[in-house]
Protein backbone atom coordinates (compact mmCIF):
# COMPACT_ATOMS: atom_id res chain seq x y z
CA UNK A 1 -19.31 70.07 0.55
CA UNK A 2 -18.74 67.11 -1.73
CA UNK A 3 -17.06 63.78 -0.84
CA UNK A 4 -14.48 63.69 -3.64
CA UNK A 5 -12.45 65.65 -6.13
CA UNK A 6 -15.26 67.75 -7.69
CA UNK A 7 -18.88 68.92 -7.42
CA UNK A 8 -20.06 65.72 -9.18
CA UNK A 9 -18.98 63.66 -6.14
CA UNK A 10 -21.44 62.64 -3.41
CA UNK A 11 -22.74 65.69 -1.45
CA UNK A 12 -22.01 65.65 2.26
CA UNK A 13 -24.27 68.76 2.83
CA UNK A 14 -25.07 72.30 2.13
CA UNK A 15 -24.51 74.83 4.95
CA UNK A 16 -25.64 78.44 5.17
CA UNK A 17 -25.77 81.15 7.86
CA UNK A 18 -23.97 81.36 11.22
CA UNK A 19 -24.90 77.92 12.41
CA UNK A 20 -21.95 75.60 12.62
CA UNK A 21 -22.47 72.21 10.98
CA UNK A 22 -21.77 68.88 12.90
CA UNK A 23 -18.39 67.42 12.07
CA UNK A 24 -18.22 65.58 8.75
CA UNK A 25 -16.03 62.66 7.67
CA UNK A 26 -15.19 61.93 4.09
CA UNK A 27 -14.75 58.44 2.64
CA UNK A 28 -11.27 59.18 1.29
CA UNK A 29 -8.57 61.84 1.32
CA UNK A 30 -10.40 64.40 -0.96
CA UNK A 31 -13.30 66.71 -0.39
CA UNK A 32 -14.54 69.67 -2.53
CA UNK A 33 -15.86 72.93 -1.05
CA UNK A 34 -18.10 74.91 -3.39
CA UNK A 35 -18.41 78.39 -2.02
CA UNK A 36 -21.24 80.72 -3.16
CA UNK A 37 -21.93 84.17 -1.92
CA UNK A 38 -24.24 87.05 -2.70
CA UNK A 39 -24.31 90.82 -2.02
CA UNK A 40 -27.17 90.76 0.50
CA UNK A 41 -25.11 90.38 3.66
CA UNK A 42 -21.66 91.69 4.33
CA UNK A 43 -19.33 89.49 6.44
CA UNK A 44 -15.73 88.40 7.11
CA UNK A 45 -15.80 85.25 4.97
CA UNK A 46 -15.57 81.78 6.14
CA UNK A 47 -13.35 79.40 8.10
CA UNK A 48 -12.71 75.62 7.58
CA UNK A 49 -11.11 73.62 10.20
CA UNK A 50 -9.98 70.12 9.11
CA UNK A 51 -7.74 67.35 10.36
CA UNK A 52 -6.59 63.98 9.10
CA UNK A 53 -7.71 61.04 11.21
CA UNK A 54 -6.57 57.41 11.22
CA UNK A 55 -8.84 55.03 9.38
CA UNK A 56 -10.47 52.76 11.85
CA UNK A 57 -12.44 50.12 9.95
CA UNK A 58 -14.80 50.24 7.10
CA UNK A 59 -15.83 53.46 5.52
CA UNK A 60 -19.00 55.04 7.04
CA UNK A 61 -22.44 54.17 5.34
CA UNK A 62 -23.98 57.33 3.90
CA UNK A 63 -27.65 57.09 3.14
CA UNK A 64 -28.47 58.72 -0.32
């Protein structure tokens, strides 16, 4: 997941498997999801749950 309009934006994280990640917050109104699969495990796909939130103060500080 990238914090911006393309895969060259700041990465927010890489997530694999069945473990759900903690909630993420972008610095703006755009994120990019890069989905990659292989043929090793069959499954039902993926689900993204998102919501818009009111901006409440300065953007979060993200450690590189």
